C-alpha atoms as a PDB file:
ATOM      1  CA  GLN A   1       3.577 -15.799  10.339  1.00  0.00           C
ATOM      2  CA  VAL A   2       0.888 -14.201   8.604  1.00  0.00           C
ATOM      3  CA  GLN A   3       1.259 -14.383   4.586  1.00  0.00           C
ATOM      4  CA  LEU A   4       0.637 -11.138   2.182  1.00  0.00           C
ATOM      5  CA  VAL A   5      -0.581 -10.942  -1.206  1.00  0.00           C
ATOM      6  CA  GLU A   6      -0.184  -8.160  -3.209  1.00  0.00           C
ATOM      7  CA  SER A   7      -2.336  -7.581  -6.498  1.00  0.00           C
ATOM      8  CA  GLY A   8      -4.333  -4.998  -8.917  1.00  0.00           C
ATOM      9  CA  GLY A   9      -1.406  -3.475 -10.318  1.00  0.00           C
ATOM     10  CA  GLY A  10      -1.002  -3.020 -14.207  1.00  0.00           C
ATOM     11  CA  LEU A  11      -0.400  -0.196 -16.425  1.00  0.00           C
ATOM     12  CA  VAL A  12      -2.493   3.125 -16.666  1.00  0.00           C
ATOM     13  CA  GLN A  13      -2.499   6.117 -18.114  1.00  0.00           C
ATOM     14  CA  PRO A  14      -2.048   9.285 -16.407  1.00  0.00           C
ATOM     15  CA  GLY A  15      -5.214  10.684 -14.532  1.00  0.00           C
ATOM     16  CA  GLY A  16      -6.506   7.071 -14.400  1.00  0.00           C
ATOM     17  CA  SER A  17      -7.075   4.685 -11.237  1.00  0.00           C
ATOM     18  CA  LEU A  18      -6.287   1.370  -9.844  1.00  0.00           C
ATOM     19  CA  ARG A  19      -7.195  -0.652  -6.880  1.00  0.00           C
ATOM     20  CA  LEU A  20      -4.486  -2.469  -4.905  1.00  0.00           C
ATOM     21  CA  SER A  21      -5.269  -5.531  -2.803  1.00  0.00           C
ATOM     22  CA  CYS A  22      -3.258  -7.229   0.067  1.00  0.00           C
ATOM     23  CA  VAL A  23      -4.526 -10.460   0.892  1.00  0.00           C
ATOM     24  CA  ALA A  24      -3.579 -11.888   4.292  1.00  0.00           C
ATOM     25  CA  SER A  25      -3.344 -15.624   5.110  1.00  0.00           C
ATOM     26  CA  ARG A  26      -4.892 -14.700   8.105  1.00  0.00           C
ATOM     27  CA  SER A  27      -6.585 -12.105  10.115  1.00  0.00           C
ATOM     28  CA  ILE A  28      -4.779  -8.492  10.251  1.00  0.00           C
ATOM     29  CA  PHE A  29      -7.163  -7.433  13.142  1.00  0.00           C
ATOM     30  CA  SER A  30      -4.578  -7.647  16.259  1.00  0.00           C
ATOM     31  CA  ILE A  31      -1.867  -6.231  13.931  1.00  0.00           C
ATOM     32  CA  PRO A  32      -1.072  -3.017  14.806  1.00  0.00           C
ATOM     33  CA  ALA A  33      -0.307  -1.279  11.499  1.00  0.00           C
ATOM     34  CA  MET A  34      -0.479  -1.981   7.603  1.00  0.00           C
ATOM     35  CA  GLY A  35       1.090  -0.217   5.056  1.00  0.00           C
ATOM     36  CA  TRP A  36       1.298   0.289   1.288  1.00  0.00           C
ATOM     37  CA  TYR A  37       5.319   0.857   0.170  1.00  0.00           C
ATOM     38  CA  ARG A  38       6.350   1.437  -3.233  1.00  0.00           C
ATOM     39  CA  GLN A  39      10.046   1.016  -4.749  1.00  0.00           C
ATOM     40  CA  ALA A  40      10.320   2.774  -8.381  1.00  0.00           C
ATOM     41  CA  PRO A  41      13.955   1.879 -10.145  1.00  0.00           C
ATOM     42  CA  GLY A  42      16.397   4.102  -8.559  1.00  0.00           C
ATOM     43  CA  ASN A  43      14.775   5.134  -5.474  1.00  0.00           C
ATOM     44  CA  GLU A  44      14.380   3.785  -2.468  1.00  0.00           C
ATOM     45  CA  ARG A  45      11.677   2.434  -0.794  1.00  0.00           C
ATOM     46  CA  GLU A  46       9.336   4.484   0.730  1.00  0.00           C
ATOM     47  CA  LEU A  47       6.069   4.441   2.789  1.00  0.00           C
ATOM     48  CA  VAL A  48       3.134   5.755   0.709  1.00  0.00           C
ATOM     49  CA  ALA A  49      -0.114   4.898   3.005  1.00  0.00           C
ATOM     50  CA  SER A  50      -0.276   3.289   6.425  1.00  0.00           C
ATOM     51  CA  ILE A  51      -3.571   2.177   8.336  1.00  0.00           C
ATOM     52  CA  THR A  52      -3.699   1.295  12.040  1.00  0.00           C
ATOM     53  CA  SER A  53      -6.018  -1.287  13.539  1.00  0.00           C
ATOM     54  CA  GLY A  54      -8.200   1.639  14.858  1.00  0.00           C
ATOM     55  CA  SER A  55      -8.467   2.708  10.970  1.00  0.00           C
ATOM     56  CA  SER A  56      -6.350   5.820  11.714  1.00  0.00           C
ATOM     57  CA  THR A  57      -4.422   6.705   8.069  1.00  0.00           C
ATOM     58  CA  ASN A  58      -1.865   8.507   7.510  1.00  0.00           C
ATOM     59  CA  TYR A  59      -0.481   9.371   3.747  1.00  0.00           C
ATOM     60  CA  ALA A  60       3.042  10.519   2.110  1.00  0.00           C
ATOM     61  CA  ASP A  61       2.566  14.514   0.635  1.00  0.00           C
ATOM     62  CA  SER A  62       2.898  12.947  -3.034  1.00  0.00           C
ATOM     63  CA  VAL A  63      -0.001  11.122  -2.464  1.00  0.00           C
ATOM     64  CA  LYS A  64      -2.519  12.874  -0.487  1.00  0.00           C
ATOM     65  CA  GLY A  65      -5.952  13.646  -1.725  1.00  0.00           C
ATOM     66  CA  ARG A  66      -5.201  10.697  -4.530  1.00  0.00           C
ATOM     67  CA  PHE A  67      -4.733   7.500  -2.545  1.00  0.00           C
ATOM     68  CA  THR A  68      -6.637   5.796  -0.088  1.00  0.00           C
ATOM     69  CA  ILE A  69      -6.108   2.933   2.056  1.00  0.00           C
ATOM     70  CA  SER A  70      -8.250   1.165   3.563  1.00  0.00           C
ATOM     71  CA  ARG A  71      -8.421  -2.344   5.411  1.00  0.00           C
ATOM     72  CA  ASP A  72     -11.639  -5.068   5.623  1.00  0.00           C
ATOM     73  CA  ASN A  73     -10.905  -7.189   8.167  1.00  0.00           C
ATOM     74  CA  ALA A  74     -13.540  -9.436   7.327  1.00  0.00           C
ATOM     75  CA  GLU A  75     -11.788 -10.009   4.020  1.00  0.00           C
ATOM     76  CA  ASN A  76      -7.981 -10.259   5.668  1.00  0.00           C
ATOM     77  CA  THR A  77      -7.511  -7.599   2.896  1.00  0.00           C
ATOM     78  CA  VAL A  78      -6.273  -3.969   3.102  1.00  0.00           C
ATOM     79  CA  TYR A  79      -6.641  -1.548  -0.642  1.00  0.00           C
ATOM     80  CA  LEU A  80      -5.263   0.938  -1.886  1.00  0.00           C
ATOM     81  CA  GLN A  81      -7.173   3.098  -3.791  1.00  0.00           C
ATOM     82  CA  MET A  82      -5.010   5.101  -6.301  1.00  0.00           C
ATOM     83  CA  ASN A  83      -6.940   8.069  -8.578  1.00  0.00           C
ATOM     84  CA  SER A  84      -5.333  10.759 -10.587  1.00  0.00           C
ATOM     85  CA  LEU A  85      -2.075   8.856 -11.193  1.00  0.00           C
ATOM     86  CA  LYS A  86       0.658  10.526 -12.615  1.00  0.00           C
ATOM     87  CA  PRO A  87       4.086   8.903 -14.087  1.00  0.00           C
ATOM     88  CA  GLU A  88       5.940   9.776 -10.843  1.00  0.00           C
ATOM     89  CA  ASP A  89       3.821   6.507  -9.137  1.00  0.00           C
ATOM     90  CA  THR A  90       5.070   4.226 -11.251  1.00  0.00           C
ATOM     91  CA  ALA A  91       6.737   1.872  -9.043  1.00  0.00           C
ATOM     92  CA  VAL A  92       6.624  -1.609  -7.427  1.00  0.00           C
ATOM     93  CA  TYR A  93       3.841  -1.553  -4.631  1.00  0.00           C
ATOM     94  CA  TYR A  94       4.193  -3.666  -1.638  1.00  0.00           C
ATOM     95  CA  CYS A  95       2.168  -4.398   1.611  1.00  0.00           C
ATOM     96  CA  ASN A  96       3.537  -4.717   4.825  1.00  0.00           C
ATOM     97  CA  ARG A  97       2.242  -4.873   8.808  1.00  0.00           C
ATOM     98  CA  GLY A  98       3.987  -3.226  11.798  1.00  0.00           C
ATOM     99  CA  TYR A  99       3.967  -0.563  14.588  1.00  0.00           C
ATOM    100  CA  PRO A 100       2.531   3.051  14.126  1.00  0.00           C
ATOM    101  CA  VAL A 101       4.927   5.480  14.806  1.00  0.00           C
ATOM    102  CA  GLY A 102       4.186   8.903  14.151  1.00  0.00           C
ATOM    103  CA  GLY A 103       3.212   9.678  10.406  1.00  0.00           C
ATOM    104  CA  THR A 104       4.754   6.535   9.832  1.00  0.00           C
ATOM    105  CA  MET A 105       5.344   2.851  10.703  1.00  0.00           C
ATOM    106  CA  VAL A 106       7.985   0.305  11.872  1.00  0.00           C
ATOM    107  CA  VAL A 107       7.735  -2.733   9.833  1.00  0.00           C
ATOM    108  CA  PHE A 108       8.146  -6.316  11.388  1.00  0.00           C
ATOM    109  CA  GLY A 109       7.042  -8.602   8.341  1.00  0.00           C
ATOM    110  CA  SER A 110       9.373  -9.587   5.682  1.00  0.00           C
ATOM    111  CA  TRP A 111       8.557  -8.556   2.028  1.00  0.00           C
ATOM    112  CA  GLY A 112       6.660 -10.126  -0.445  1.00  0.00           C
ATOM    113  CA  GLN A 113       6.611 -10.112  -4.119  1.00  0.00           C
ATOM    114  CA  GLY A 114       4.582  -6.423  -4.731  1.00  0.00           C
ATOM    115  CA  THR A 115       2.831  -5.834  -7.508  1.00  0.00           C
ATOM    116  CA  GLN A 116       3.851  -3.568 -10.441  1.00  0.00           C
ATOM    117  CA  VAL A 117       2.125  -0.378 -11.621  1.00  0.00           C
ATOM    118  CA  THR A 118       3.326   1.355 -14.342  1.00  0.00           C
ATOM    119  CA  VAL A 119       1.581   4.917 -15.631  1.00  0.00           C
ATOM    120  CA  THR A 120       2.587   5.918 -18.617  1.00  0.00           C
ATOM    121  CA  SER A 121       1.276   7.927 -21.764  1.00  0.00           C
END
């Protein structure tokens, strides 16, 4: 079983940036898709960005132009660069693995601890 560890969250002011990392215990090369999800208090978990093994990416409309997902297979790591952060981006961010389906993905991995992102002035 591939273990995923998220990190890089923190407290940032609106307009600021953070870079989240998702480090896998083993190679992610053969995983069809990796995705970043987030869940804010009172909200359902939502997919914010995904990347396939072929580096095809998809983004939620709310983060397009601000977030960038990338993958470094050599480092077994998936990143989420978050720029121009807004208070509504505040959430616990999780990464997971799955299959790409249209503009979204179907998760087949378990959920980890996530990393907290707080955007406030």
